[in-house]
Amino acid sequence: MPVTPTELASRYDVTPKHVRDVLRAHYGALQTGTTRWDLTDEQVTVVEREIIGESGRPLRGATTPELLGQYADILAELRARGVVRTSNAPLGDYAEYVALEVYGGELAANSAKSYDLKAGDGRLVQVKARTWAPSTSPSAVFSVFRSFDFDVAALIVLDARTYRLKWAREMTPEAIEAAARWSPHVNGYLLRMTIAEREGTDITDMFVPVLGRPVASDS
């Protein structure tokens, strides 16, 4: 699927004008009768080199799990140095990306607060994800639920060290509201991972084609 300057700009946190200026410098103006750039792979590479240096994307050949594993290593070192306090930075976006692969449909706009994607079957899906490590507390919770204007929640747990799948569950809004505890401190409902694993509908196999077989619970 062709990439537009706006989409490419979003990837690298620059303005679409910056991307269009690079394109014009290398390829001239848009051809008469066209209203936007639909970028070829070559054009994307040219823009990337201008934005992120001559090295372009040196990690292009790595798989997504390999990249996330490296990211986890970096975060572990930053935590050891006291620079950051958590290891969940890319998790939310990655979970939504994976859920889109599983459910189909389209991601919701950032302004949508109650759901993250509209599935191919029309359901509104809220996506919640957590990482798990041997040190994770049994009382660990997913991020807060502040509204229930969705059809189903996809609850995904990944290994904190490798970002490999551990398990996935589905729960209805009604089941979550009944099982979660209300927290005035965060003004919402908090659902424990252990409760979701026990009471949710097991959909782990749905995620295997995207994430691979789950890792063992004691890994």
N, C-alpha and C. Protein backbone atom coordinates (compact mmCIF):
# COMPACT_ATOMS: atom_id res chain seq x y z
N MET A 1 0.85 -1.19 0.00
CA MET A 1 0.00 0.00 0.00
C MET A 1 0.88 1.24 0.00
N PRO A 2 0.65 2.21 -0.89
CA PRO A 2 1.52 3.40 -0.97
C PRO A 2 1.49 4.20 0.32
N VAL A 3 2.63 4.83 0.61
CA VAL A 3 2.77 5.68 1.78
C VAL A 3 2.68 7.13 1.34
N THR A 4 2.00 7.95 2.11
CA THR A 4 1.89 9.37 1.80
C THR A 4 2.91 10.15 2.63
N PRO A 5 3.23 11.40 2.23
CA PRO A 5 4.14 12.23 3.04
C PRO A 5 3.64 12.42 4.47
N THR A 6 2.32 12.55 4.64
CA THR A 6 1.78 12.74 6.00
C THR A 6 2.04 11.51 6.86
N GLU A 7 1.84 10.31 6.30
CA GLU A 7 2.08 9.08 7.05
C GLU A 7 3.56 8.93 7.39
N LEU A 8 4.42 9.26 6.44
CA LEU A 8 5.86 9.15 6.68
C LEU A 8 6.32 10.17 7.71
N ALA A 9 5.75 11.37 7.65
CA ALA A 9 6.10 12.39 8.63
C ALA A 9 5.74 11.95 10.04
N SER A 10 4.59 11.28 10.16
CA SER A 10 4.15 10.82 11.47
C SER A 10 5.11 9.79 12.05
N ARG A 11 5.69 8.95 11.20
CA ARG A 11 6.63 7.93 11.67
C ARG A 11 7.83 8.54 12.36
N TYR A 12 8.31 9.68 11.83
CA TYR A 12 9.58 10.24 12.28
C TYR A 12 9.43 11.58 12.99
N ASP A 13 8.18 11.94 13.34
CA ASP A 13 7.93 13.14 14.13
C ASP A 13 8.48 14.40 13.46
N VAL A 14 8.22 14.53 12.17
CA VAL A 14 8.54 15.74 11.43
C VAL A 14 7.26 16.23 10.75
N THR A 15 7.31 17.40 10.15
CA THR A 15 6.11 17.91 9.49
C THR A 15 5.97 17.33 8.09
N PRO A 16 4.74 17.20 7.59
CA PRO A 16 4.56 16.77 6.20
C PRO A 16 5.26 17.69 5.22
N LYS A 17 5.32 18.99 5.54
CA LYS A 17 6.03 19.93 4.66
C LYS A 17 7.50 19.56 4.53
N HIS A 18 8.10 19.13 5.62
CA HIS A 18 9.51 18.71 5.59
C HIS A 18 9.68 17.55 4.59
N VAL A 19 8.79 16.58 4.66
CA VAL A 19 8.87 15.43 3.76
C VAL A 19 8.66 15.88 2.32
N ARG A 20 7.68 16.74 2.08
CA ARG A 20 7.42 17.21 0.71
C ARG A 20 8.59 18.02 0.18
N ASP A 21 9.24 18.80 1.04
CA ASP A 21 10.41 19.57 0.60
C ASP A 21 11.53 18.65 0.16
N VAL A 22 11.74 17.55 0.90
CA VAL A 22 12.77 16.58 0.52
C VAL A 22 12.43 15.97 -0.84
N LEU A 23 11.17 15.61 -1.01
CA LEU A 23 10.74 15.00 -2.27
C LEU A 23 10.93 15.95 -3.45
N ARG A 24 10.56 17.21 -3.26
CA ARG A 24 10.72 18.19 -4.34
C ARG A 24 12.19 18.40 -4.68
N ALA A 25 13.05 18.40 -3.66
CA ALA A 25 14.48 18.60 -3.90
C ALA A 25 15.07 17.47 -4.73
N HIS A 26 14.53 16.27 -4.57
CA HIS A 26 15.08 15.11 -5.28
C HIS A 26 14.34 14.79 -6.57
N TYR A 27 13.03 15.07 -6.59
CA TYR A 27 12.22 14.60 -7.71
C TYR A 27 11.45 15.70 -8.43
N GLY A 28 11.57 16.94 -7.96
CA GLY A 28 10.82 18.01 -8.59
C GLY A 28 9.39 18.05 -8.09
N ALA A 29 8.57 18.90 -8.74
CA ALA A 29 7.19 19.08 -8.32
C ALA A 29 6.34 17.89 -8.73
N LEU A 30 5.17 17.79 -8.10
CA LEU A 30 4.21 16.77 -8.51
C LEU A 30 3.84 16.93 -9.97
N GLN A 31 3.59 15.81 -10.63
CA GLN A 31 3.17 15.88 -12.02
C GLN A 31 1.81 16.55 -12.14
N THR A 32 1.60 17.24 -13.24
CA THR A 32 0.32 17.89 -13.48
C THR A 32 -0.82 16.87 -13.46
N GLY A 33 -1.90 17.24 -12.75
CA GLY A 33 -3.05 16.35 -12.68
C GLY A 33 -3.06 15.45 -11.46
N THR A 34 -1.97 15.43 -10.68
CA THR A 34 -1.92 14.63 -9.46
C THR A 34 -2.08 15.55 -8.26
N THR A 35 -2.68 15.05 -7.20
CA THR A 35 -2.96 15.88 -6.03
C THR A 35 -2.17 15.48 -4.80
N ARG A 36 -1.48 14.34 -4.83
CA ARG A 36 -0.70 13.95 -3.67
C ARG A 36 0.40 13.00 -4.10
N TRP A 37 1.40 12.87 -3.24
CA TRP A 37 2.46 11.90 -3.45
C TRP A 37 2.00 10.54 -2.93
N ASP A 38 2.11 9.51 -3.74
CA ASP A 38 2.04 8.12 -3.28
C ASP A 38 3.43 7.56 -3.45
N LEU A 39 4.15 7.42 -2.36
CA LEU A 39 5.58 7.21 -2.41
C LEU A 39 5.96 5.77 -2.76
N THR A 40 6.95 5.65 -3.63
CA THR A 40 7.54 4.36 -3.93
C THR A 40 8.52 3.99 -2.81
N ASP A 41 8.95 2.73 -2.78
CA ASP A 41 9.94 2.31 -1.79
C ASP A 41 11.22 3.13 -1.92
N GLU A 42 11.62 3.44 -3.14
CA GLU A 42 12.83 4.25 -3.34
C GLU A 42 12.67 5.64 -2.74
N GLN A 43 11.51 6.26 -2.97
CA GLN A 43 11.28 7.59 -2.43
C GLN A 43 11.24 7.58 -0.90
N VAL A 44 10.62 6.55 -0.32
CA VAL A 44 10.60 6.42 1.14
C VAL A 44 12.02 6.34 1.67
N THR A 45 12.86 5.55 1.02
CA THR A 45 14.25 5.40 1.46
C THR A 45 14.99 6.73 1.38
N VAL A 46 14.79 7.48 0.30
CA VAL A 46 15.44 8.78 0.15
C VAL A 46 15.04 9.72 1.29
N VAL A 47 13.75 9.77 1.59
CA VAL A 47 13.28 10.65 2.66
C VAL A 47 13.84 10.20 4.01
N GLU A 48 13.83 8.90 4.26
CA GLU A 48 14.35 8.39 5.53
C GLU A 48 15.81 8.76 5.71
N ARG A 49 16.59 8.67 4.65
CA ARG A 49 18.01 9.02 4.76
C ARG A 49 18.21 10.50 5.06
N GLU A 50 17.36 11.32 4.50
CA GLU A 50 17.45 12.76 4.78
C GLU A 50 17.08 13.05 6.24
N ILE A 51 16.11 12.32 6.76
CA ILE A 51 15.61 12.60 8.10
C ILE A 51 16.45 11.95 9.18
N ILE A 52 16.84 10.70 8.99
CA ILE A 52 17.53 9.97 10.06
C ILE A 52 18.96 9.62 9.72
N GLY A 53 19.51 10.22 8.66
CA GLY A 53 20.92 10.04 8.37
C GLY A 53 21.19 9.05 7.26
N GLU A 54 22.43 9.06 6.82
CA GLU A 54 22.83 8.22 5.69
C GLU A 54 22.67 6.73 5.97
N SER A 55 22.71 6.38 7.24
CA SER A 55 22.56 4.95 7.57
C SER A 55 21.16 4.45 7.28
N GLY A 56 20.22 5.39 7.08
CA GLY A 56 18.85 4.98 6.78
C GLY A 56 18.25 4.19 7.93
N ARG A 57 17.81 2.97 7.67
CA ARG A 57 17.22 2.10 8.69
C ARG A 57 18.09 0.86 8.85
N PRO A 58 19.15 0.95 9.67
CA PRO A 58 20.06 -0.18 9.78
C PRO A 58 19.43 -1.44 10.37
N LEU A 59 18.30 -1.29 11.04
CA LEU A 59 17.63 -2.44 11.65
C LEU A 59 16.49 -2.96 10.80
N ARG A 60 16.41 -2.52 9.56
CA ARG A 60 15.30 -2.89 8.70
C ARG A 60 15.13 -4.40 8.59
N GLY A 61 16.24 -5.14 8.59
CA GLY A 61 16.17 -6.58 8.39
C GLY A 61 15.77 -7.38 9.62
N ALA A 62 15.72 -6.73 10.79
CA ALA A 62 15.37 -7.45 12.02
C ALA A 62 13.87 -7.69 12.08
N THR A 63 13.49 -8.81 12.69
CA THR A 63 12.06 -9.07 12.87
C THR A 63 11.52 -8.18 13.99
N THR A 64 10.20 -8.04 14.06
CA THR A 64 9.61 -7.23 15.12
C THR A 64 9.94 -7.78 16.50
N PRO A 65 9.82 -9.10 16.77
CA PRO A 65 10.22 -9.60 18.09
C PRO A 65 11.69 -9.31 18.42
N GLU A 66 12.57 -9.40 17.42
CA GLU A 66 13.98 -9.09 17.66
C GLU A 66 14.16 -7.63 18.06
N LEU A 67 13.46 -6.74 17.38
CA LEU A 67 13.55 -5.32 17.71
C LEU A 67 13.03 -5.05 19.12
N LEU A 68 11.90 -5.66 19.45
CA LEU A 68 11.34 -5.44 20.78
C LEU A 68 12.25 -6.03 21.86
N GLY A 69 12.91 -7.14 21.55
CA GLY A 69 13.86 -7.70 22.49
C GLY A 69 15.02 -6.75 22.75
N GLN A 70 15.53 -6.12 21.67
CA GLN A 70 16.59 -5.13 21.83
C GLN A 70 16.09 -3.93 22.63
N TYR A 71 14.86 -3.53 22.35
CA TYR A 71 14.27 -2.42 23.08
C TYR A 71 14.19 -2.75 24.57
N ALA A 72 13.79 -3.99 24.87
CA ALA A 72 13.70 -4.42 26.27
C ALA A 72 15.08 -4.38 26.93
N ASP A 73 16.12 -4.78 26.20
CA ASP A 73 17.48 -4.72 26.74
C ASP A 73 17.87 -3.28 27.07
N ILE A 74 17.54 -2.37 26.16
CA ILE A 74 17.87 -0.96 26.38
C ILE A 74 17.13 -0.41 27.59
N LEU A 75 15.83 -0.72 27.68
CA LEU A 75 15.06 -0.25 28.82
C LEU A 75 15.57 -0.84 30.13
N ALA A 76 15.99 -2.11 30.11
CA ALA A 76 16.53 -2.72 31.32
C ALA A 76 17.78 -1.97 31.79
N GLU A 77 18.64 -1.59 30.85
CA GLU A 77 19.85 -0.85 31.22
C GLU A 77 19.50 0.55 31.74
N LEU A 78 18.51 1.19 31.09
CA LEU A 78 18.10 2.52 31.55
C LEU A 78 17.47 2.45 32.94
N ARG A 79 16.74 1.36 33.20
CA ARG A 79 16.18 1.19 34.54
C ARG A 79 17.30 0.99 35.55
N ALA A 80 18.32 0.20 35.19
CA ALA A 80 19.44 -0.03 36.09
C ALA A 80 20.16 1.28 36.42
N ARG A 81 20.16 2.21 35.47
CA ARG A 81 20.81 3.51 35.69
C ARG A 81 19.90 4.51 36.37
N GLY A 82 18.64 4.14 36.59
CA GLY A 82 17.71 5.04 37.22
C GLY A 82 17.14 6.10 36.30
N VAL A 83 17.29 5.90 34.99
CA VAL A 83 16.82 6.89 34.02
C VAL A 83 15.32 6.76 33.79
N VAL A 84 14.81 5.53 33.69
CA VAL A 84 13.38 5.29 33.54
C VAL A 84 12.93 4.32 34.62
N ARG A 85 11.62 4.27 34.85
CA ARG A 85 11.10 3.44 35.93
C ARG A 85 10.27 2.27 35.45
N THR A 86 9.86 2.24 34.17
CA THR A 86 9.05 1.13 33.67
C THR A 86 9.64 0.62 32.37
N SER A 87 9.09 -0.52 31.91
CA SER A 87 9.54 -1.12 30.65
C SER A 87 8.39 -1.27 29.66
N ASN A 88 7.37 -0.46 29.80
CA ASN A 88 6.17 -0.64 29.00
C ASN A 88 6.02 0.36 27.85
N ALA A 89 7.05 1.12 27.55
CA ALA A 89 6.91 2.25 26.63
C ALA A 89 6.25 1.91 25.28
N PRO A 90 6.71 0.86 24.56
CA PRO A 90 6.09 0.62 23.25
C PRO A 90 4.87 -0.30 23.29
N LEU A 91 4.47 -0.69 24.47
CA LEU A 91 3.53 -1.80 24.57
C LEU A 91 2.15 -1.48 24.01
N GLY A 92 1.62 -0.31 24.35
CA GLY A 92 0.27 0.02 23.93
C GLY A 92 0.11 0.05 22.42
N ASP A 93 1.02 0.76 21.75
CA ASP A 93 0.94 0.84 20.29
C ASP A 93 1.13 -0.53 19.65
N TYR A 94 2.06 -1.32 20.20
CA TYR A 94 2.31 -2.65 19.63
C TYR A 94 1.09 -3.54 19.79
N ALA A 95 0.44 -3.47 20.96
CA ALA A 95 -0.74 -4.29 21.20
C ALA A 95 -1.85 -3.93 20.22
N GLU A 96 -2.04 -2.65 19.96
CA GLU A 96 -3.07 -2.24 19.01
C GLU A 96 -2.73 -2.73 17.60
N TYR A 97 -1.45 -2.65 17.25
CA TYR A 97 -1.01 -3.14 15.94
C TYR A 97 -1.30 -4.63 15.79
N VAL A 98 -0.99 -5.40 16.83
CA VAL A 98 -1.22 -6.84 16.80
C VAL A 98 -2.72 -7.13 16.76
N ALA A 99 -3.50 -6.42 17.57
CA ALA A 99 -4.94 -6.65 17.59
C ALA A 99 -5.57 -6.35 16.23
N LEU A 100 -5.07 -5.34 15.56
CA LEU A 100 -5.57 -5.03 14.22
C LEU A 100 -5.31 -6.18 13.27
N GLU A 101 -4.14 -6.82 13.37
CA GLU A 101 -3.83 -7.97 12.54
C GLU A 101 -4.79 -9.13 12.84
N VAL A 102 -5.16 -9.27 14.09
CA VAL A 102 -6.01 -10.39 14.50
C VAL A 102 -7.48 -10.15 14.16
N TYR A 103 -7.97 -8.96 14.47
CA TYR A 103 -9.41 -8.67 14.33
C TYR A 103 -9.77 -8.07 12.98
N GLY A 104 -8.78 -7.54 12.25
CA GLY A 104 -9.10 -6.83 11.02
C GLY A 104 -9.80 -5.51 11.33
N GLY A 105 -10.34 -4.87 10.30
CA GLY A 105 -11.03 -3.61 10.50
C GLY A 105 -10.09 -2.43 10.43
N GLU A 106 -10.24 -1.48 11.34
CA GLU A 106 -9.40 -0.28 11.32
C GLU A 106 -9.24 0.27 12.73
N LEU A 107 -8.08 0.88 12.97
CA LEU A 107 -7.82 1.49 14.26
C LEU A 107 -8.68 2.73 14.43
N ALA A 108 -9.07 3.00 15.66
CA ALA A 108 -9.85 4.19 15.95
C ALA A 108 -8.94 5.41 15.93
N ALA A 109 -9.53 6.57 15.74
CA ALA A 109 -8.78 7.81 15.85
C ALA A 109 -8.29 8.00 17.28
N ASN A 110 -7.20 8.75 17.45
CA ASN A 110 -6.67 8.97 18.79
C ASN A 110 -7.68 9.63 19.72
N SER A 111 -8.65 10.33 19.14
CA SER A 111 -9.64 11.01 19.95
C SER A 111 -10.68 10.06 20.54
N ALA A 112 -10.74 8.83 20.04
CA ALA A 112 -11.70 7.85 20.55
C ALA A 112 -11.20 7.31 21.88
N LYS A 113 -11.94 7.52 22.94
CA LYS A 113 -11.48 7.18 24.28
C LYS A 113 -11.93 5.81 24.77
N SER A 114 -13.01 5.27 24.19
CA SER A 114 -13.59 4.06 24.75
C SER A 114 -13.19 2.79 24.02
N TYR A 115 -12.66 2.91 22.83
CA TYR A 115 -12.23 1.72 22.09
C TYR A 115 -11.03 2.06 21.23
N ASP A 116 -10.31 1.01 20.82
CA ASP A 116 -9.08 1.20 20.08
C ASP A 116 -9.18 0.81 18.62
N LEU A 117 -10.11 -0.08 18.30
CA LEU A 117 -10.29 -0.44 16.89
C LEU A 117 -11.71 -0.91 16.65
N LYS A 118 -12.15 -0.71 15.41
CA LYS A 118 -13.41 -1.28 14.96
C LYS A 118 -13.07 -2.51 14.16
N ALA A 119 -13.44 -3.68 14.69
CA ALA A 119 -13.05 -4.96 14.09
C ALA A 119 -13.74 -5.16 12.74
N GLY A 120 -13.23 -6.12 12.00
CA GLY A 120 -13.81 -6.44 10.71
C GLY A 120 -15.26 -6.87 10.80
N ASP A 121 -15.66 -7.42 11.95
CA ASP A 121 -17.05 -7.84 12.13
C ASP A 121 -17.91 -6.73 12.72
N GLY A 122 -17.36 -5.53 12.86
CA GLY A 122 -18.12 -4.40 13.34
C GLY A 122 -18.04 -4.15 14.83
N ARG A 123 -17.48 -5.06 15.61
CA ARG A 123 -17.39 -4.86 17.05
C ARG A 123 -16.37 -3.77 17.39
N LEU A 124 -16.66 -3.03 18.44
CA LEU A 124 -15.72 -2.04 18.97
C LEU A 124 -14.86 -2.74 20.02
N VAL A 125 -13.55 -2.72 19.82
CA VAL A 125 -12.63 -3.48 20.67
C VAL A 125 -11.74 -2.54 21.45
N GLN A 126 -11.75 -2.68 22.76
CA GLN A 126 -10.79 -2.01 23.62
C GLN A 126 -9.60 -2.94 23.80
N VAL A 127 -8.39 -2.45 23.60
CA VAL A 127 -7.19 -3.27 23.69
C VAL A 127 -6.39 -2.86 24.93
N LYS A 128 -6.12 -3.83 25.78
CA LYS A 128 -5.29 -3.62 26.96
C LYS A 128 -4.16 -4.64 26.95
N ALA A 129 -2.98 -4.20 27.30
CA ALA A 129 -1.84 -5.11 27.29
C ALA A 129 -0.96 -4.87 28.51
N ARG A 130 -0.30 -5.91 28.95
CA ARG A 130 0.65 -5.85 30.04
C ARG A 130 1.82 -6.74 29.71
N THR A 131 2.97 -6.41 30.26
CA THR A 131 4.09 -7.34 30.21
C THR A 131 4.13 -8.11 31.53
N TRP A 132 4.70 -9.30 31.45
CA TRP A 132 4.81 -10.17 32.63
C TRP A 132 6.26 -10.58 32.80
N ALA A 133 6.71 -10.58 34.05
CA ALA A 133 8.04 -11.08 34.40
C ALA A 133 7.89 -11.92 35.67
N PRO A 134 8.88 -12.75 36.00
CA PRO A 134 8.77 -13.54 37.22
C PRO A 134 8.52 -12.70 38.47
N SER A 135 8.94 -11.45 38.43
CA SER A 135 8.75 -10.57 39.59
C SER A 135 7.40 -9.86 39.61
N THR A 136 6.59 -10.06 38.57
CA THR A 136 5.31 -9.36 38.49
C THR A 136 4.40 -9.80 39.63
N SER A 137 3.82 -8.83 40.31
CA SER A 137 2.96 -9.12 41.46
C SER A 137 1.65 -9.77 41.02
N PRO A 138 1.12 -10.69 41.81
CA PRO A 138 -0.20 -11.27 41.51
C PRO A 138 -1.31 -10.22 41.49
N SER A 139 -1.06 -9.08 42.12
CA SER A 139 -2.07 -8.01 42.14
C SER A 139 -1.90 -7.02 40.99
N ALA A 140 -0.99 -7.30 40.05
CA ALA A 140 -0.76 -6.39 38.91
C ALA A 140 -2.03 -6.23 38.10
N VAL A 141 -2.26 -5.03 37.61
CA VAL A 141 -3.51 -4.72 36.90
C VAL A 141 -3.21 -4.21 35.49
N PHE A 142 -4.22 -4.28 34.64
CA PHE A 142 -4.18 -3.62 33.35
C PHE A 142 -4.42 -2.12 33.56
N SER A 143 -4.16 -1.33 32.54
CA SER A 143 -4.42 0.10 32.66
C SER A 143 -5.91 0.33 32.90
N VAL A 144 -6.22 1.46 33.46
CA VAL A 144 -7.55 1.75 34.00
C VAL A 144 -8.64 1.74 32.92
N PHE A 145 -9.79 1.22 33.28
CA PHE A 145 -11.01 1.33 32.48
C PHE A 145 -11.83 2.49 33.04
N ARG A 146 -12.06 3.50 32.24
CA ARG A 146 -12.86 4.64 32.69
C ARG A 146 -14.22 4.71 32.01
N SER A 147 -14.42 3.93 30.98
CA SER A 147 -15.72 3.86 30.33
C SER A 147 -15.87 2.47 29.72
N PHE A 148 -17.10 2.12 29.40
CA PHE A 148 -17.38 0.78 28.89
C PHE A 148 -18.16 0.83 27.59
N ASP A 149 -17.89 1.84 26.80
CA ASP A 149 -18.58 2.00 25.51
C ASP A 149 -17.85 1.22 24.41
N PHE A 150 -17.73 -0.07 24.63
CA PHE A 150 -17.12 -0.96 23.63
C PHE A 150 -17.84 -2.30 23.72
N ASP A 151 -17.60 -3.15 22.76
CA ASP A 151 -18.28 -4.45 22.72
C ASP A 151 -17.49 -5.55 23.41
N VAL A 152 -16.18 -5.47 23.33
CA VAL A 152 -15.34 -6.49 23.94
C VAL A 152 -13.95 -5.90 24.19
N ALA A 153 -13.30 -6.39 25.22
CA ALA A 153 -11.92 -6.00 25.49
C ALA A 153 -11.00 -7.16 25.15
N ALA A 154 -9.93 -6.87 24.44
CA ALA A 154 -8.87 -7.86 24.18
C ALA A 154 -7.75 -7.58 25.18
N LEU A 155 -7.48 -8.55 26.04
CA LEU A 155 -6.51 -8.41 27.12
C LEU A 155 -5.32 -9.30 26.78
N ILE A 156 -4.17 -8.68 26.55
CA ILE A 156 -3.00 -9.38 26.02
C ILE A 156 -1.85 -9.26 27.00
N VAL A 157 -1.20 -10.36 27.29
CA VAL A 157 -0.04 -10.36 28.18
C VAL A 157 1.16 -10.90 27.41
N LEU A 158 2.25 -10.13 27.44
CA LEU A 158 3.48 -10.49 26.74
C LEU A 158 4.62 -10.63 27.75
N ASP A 159 5.57 -11.46 27.42
CA ASP A 159 6.75 -11.63 28.25
C ASP A 159 7.56 -10.34 28.27
N ALA A 160 7.92 -9.86 29.45
CA ALA A 160 8.59 -8.58 29.58
C ALA A 160 9.98 -8.58 28.95
N ARG A 161 10.61 -9.73 28.89
CA ARG A 161 11.97 -9.80 28.37
C ARG A 161 12.02 -9.93 26.85
N THR A 162 11.06 -10.65 26.29
CA THR A 162 11.13 -10.97 24.86
C THR A 162 9.97 -10.42 24.04
N TYR A 163 8.95 -9.93 24.72
CA TYR A 163 7.71 -9.49 24.07
C TYR A 163 7.01 -10.63 23.32
N ARG A 164 7.29 -11.85 23.70
CA ARG A 164 6.55 -12.98 23.15
C ARG A 164 5.24 -13.14 23.91
N LEU A 165 4.28 -13.77 23.24
CA LEU A 165 2.94 -13.96 23.79
C LEU A 165 2.96 -14.90 25.00
N LYS A 166 2.23 -14.50 26.04
CA LYS A 166 1.98 -15.41 27.16
C LYS A 166 0.54 -15.90 27.12
N TRP A 167 -0.42 -14.98 27.07
CA TRP A 167 -1.82 -15.37 26.90
C TRP A 167 -2.64 -14.18 26.46
N ALA A 168 -3.84 -14.45 25.98
CA ALA A 168 -4.78 -13.41 25.59
C ALA A 168 -6.19 -13.85 25.98
N ARG A 169 -6.99 -12.89 26.42
CA ARG A 169 -8.36 -13.17 26.84
C ARG A 169 -9.30 -12.09 26.29
N GLU A 170 -10.55 -12.45 26.12
CA GLU A 170 -11.60 -11.49 25.81
C GLU A 170 -12.55 -11.40 27.00
N MET A 171 -13.02 -10.18 27.28
CA MET A 171 -14.04 -9.99 28.30
C MET A 171 -15.01 -8.92 27.84
N THR A 172 -16.26 -9.10 28.19
CA THR A 172 -17.28 -8.11 27.87
C THR A 172 -17.18 -6.95 28.87
N PRO A 173 -17.74 -5.80 28.53
CA PRO A 173 -17.74 -4.69 29.49
C PRO A 173 -18.41 -5.07 30.81
N GLU A 174 -19.52 -5.81 30.71
CA GLU A 174 -20.25 -6.20 31.91
C GLU A 174 -19.39 -7.10 32.82
N ALA A 175 -18.66 -8.03 32.20
CA ALA A 175 -17.81 -8.93 32.99
C ALA A 175 -16.68 -8.17 33.65
N ILE A 176 -16.11 -7.21 32.93
CA ILE A 176 -15.01 -6.42 33.49
C ILE A 176 -15.50 -5.58 34.66
N GLU A 177 -16.64 -4.92 34.48
CA GLU A 177 -17.17 -4.07 35.55
C GLU A 177 -17.46 -4.89 36.80
N ALA A 178 -17.93 -6.12 36.60
CA ALA A 178 -18.23 -6.98 37.75
C ALA A 178 -16.97 -7.50 38.43
N ALA A 179 -15.92 -7.75 37.66
CA ALA A 179 -14.72 -8.38 38.21
C ALA A 179 -13.68 -7.38 38.69
N ALA A 180 -13.70 -6.17 38.14
CA ALA A 180 -12.70 -5.17 38.49
C ALA A 180 -13.08 -4.44 39.78
N ARG A 181 -12.12 -3.73 40.34
CA ARG A 181 -12.41 -2.92 41.52
C ARG A 181 -12.36 -1.44 41.15
N TRP A 182 -13.27 -0.69 41.73
CA TRP A 182 -13.29 0.75 41.51
C TRP A 182 -12.19 1.42 42.33
N SER A 183 -11.47 2.33 41.69
CA SER A 183 -10.41 3.06 42.38
C SER A 183 -10.67 4.56 42.27
N PRO A 184 -11.04 5.20 43.37
CA PRO A 184 -11.22 6.66 43.33
C PRO A 184 -9.94 7.38 42.94
N HIS A 185 -8.81 6.80 43.28
CA HIS A 185 -7.52 7.45 43.00
C HIS A 185 -7.31 7.68 41.51
N VAL A 186 -7.72 6.71 40.68
CA VAL A 186 -7.55 6.85 39.23
C VAL A 186 -8.88 7.12 38.52
N ASN A 187 -9.96 7.17 39.32
CA ASN A 187 -11.29 7.46 38.78
C ASN A 187 -11.69 6.44 37.71
N GLY A 188 -11.51 5.17 38.04
CA GLY A 188 -11.85 4.14 37.08
C GLY A 188 -11.73 2.76 37.70
N TYR A 189 -11.91 1.75 36.86
CA TYR A 189 -11.89 0.36 37.29
C TYR A 189 -10.54 -0.27 36.95
N LEU A 190 -10.02 -1.04 37.89
CA LEU A 190 -8.75 -1.73 37.71
C LEU A 190 -8.99 -3.24 37.71
N LEU A 191 -8.52 -3.89 36.66
CA LEU A 191 -8.72 -5.33 36.49
C LEU A 191 -7.40 -6.06 36.66
N ARG A 192 -7.36 -6.97 37.60
CA ARG A 192 -6.14 -7.74 37.82
C ARG A 192 -5.88 -8.69 36.66
N MET A 193 -4.61 -8.87 36.36
CA MET A 193 -4.22 -9.82 35.33
C MET A 193 -4.69 -11.22 35.69
N THR A 194 -4.54 -11.60 36.96
CA THR A 194 -4.90 -12.96 37.38
C THR A 194 -6.39 -13.21 37.20
N ILE A 195 -7.21 -12.20 37.46
CA ILE A 195 -8.66 -12.36 37.28
C ILE A 195 -9.00 -12.48 35.81
N ALA A 196 -8.38 -11.64 34.99
CA ALA A 196 -8.64 -11.71 33.54
C ALA A 196 -8.24 -13.06 32.98
N GLU A 197 -7.09 -13.59 33.43
CA GLU A 197 -6.64 -14.88 32.93
C GLU A 197 -7.61 -15.99 33.33
N ARG A 198 -8.14 -15.88 34.52
CA ARG A 198 -9.03 -16.93 35.04
C ARG A 198 -10.45 -16.82 34.47
N GLU A 199 -10.98 -15.62 34.36
CA GLU A 199 -12.39 -15.44 34.03
C GLU A 199 -12.66 -15.05 32.58
N GLY A 200 -11.66 -14.61 31.87
CA GLY A 200 -11.88 -14.21 30.48
C GLY A 200 -11.96 -15.41 29.55
N THR A 201 -12.48 -15.17 28.36
CA THR A 201 -12.53 -16.20 27.32
C THR A 201 -11.16 -16.32 26.66
N ASP A 202 -10.61 -17.52 26.66
CA ASP A 202 -9.26 -17.72 26.14
C ASP A 202 -9.24 -17.53 24.61
N ILE A 203 -8.50 -16.53 24.15
CA ILE A 203 -8.35 -16.28 22.70
C ILE A 203 -6.88 -16.32 22.31
N THR A 204 -6.07 -16.98 23.12
CA THR A 204 -4.63 -17.04 22.85
C THR A 204 -4.34 -17.55 21.44
N ASP A 205 -5.06 -18.58 21.02
CA ASP A 205 -4.79 -19.16 19.70
C ASP A 205 -5.04 -18.18 18.56
N MET A 206 -5.91 -17.20 18.78
CA MET A 206 -6.15 -16.20 17.74
C MET A 206 -4.90 -15.37 17.48
N PHE A 207 -4.07 -15.21 18.50
CA PHE A 207 -2.89 -14.35 18.38
C PHE A 207 -1.64 -15.12 17.95
N VAL A 208 -1.71 -16.44 17.98
CA VAL A 208 -0.53 -17.25 17.63
C VAL A 208 -0.03 -16.98 16.20
N PRO A 209 -0.91 -16.85 15.19
CA PRO A 209 -0.39 -16.58 13.85
C PRO A 209 0.40 -15.28 13.74
N VAL A 210 0.14 -14.34 14.63
CA VAL A 210 0.84 -13.06 14.60
C VAL A 210 2.04 -13.06 15.55
N LEU A 211 1.88 -13.64 16.74
CA LEU A 211 2.90 -13.54 17.78
C LEU A 211 3.67 -14.84 18.04
N GLY A 212 3.23 -15.94 17.45
CA GLY A 212 3.89 -17.21 17.70
C GLY A 212 3.32 -17.90 18.93
N ARG A 213 3.79 -19.11 19.18
CA ARG A 213 3.30 -19.89 20.30
C ARG A 213 3.65 -19.21 21.61
N PRO A 214 2.78 -19.30 22.62
CA PRO A 214 3.05 -18.63 23.90
C PRO A 214 4.24 -19.24 24.63
N VAL A 215 4.91 -18.39 25.41
CA VAL A 215 6.02 -18.85 26.23
C VAL A 215 5.47 -19.52 27.47
N ALA A 216 6.30 -20.36 28.09
CA ALA A 216 5.87 -21.07 29.28
C ALA A 216 5.65 -20.10 30.43
N SER A 217 4.74 -20.44 31.32
CA SER A 217 4.37 -19.55 32.42
C SER A 217 5.53 -19.31 33.38
N ASP A 218 6.44 -20.26 33.52
CA ASP A 218 7.53 -20.09 34.47
C ASP A 218 8.79 -19.58 33.81
N SER A 219 8.70 -19.06 32.55
CA SER A 219 9.90 -18.58 31.87
C SER A 219 10.30 -17.23 32.39
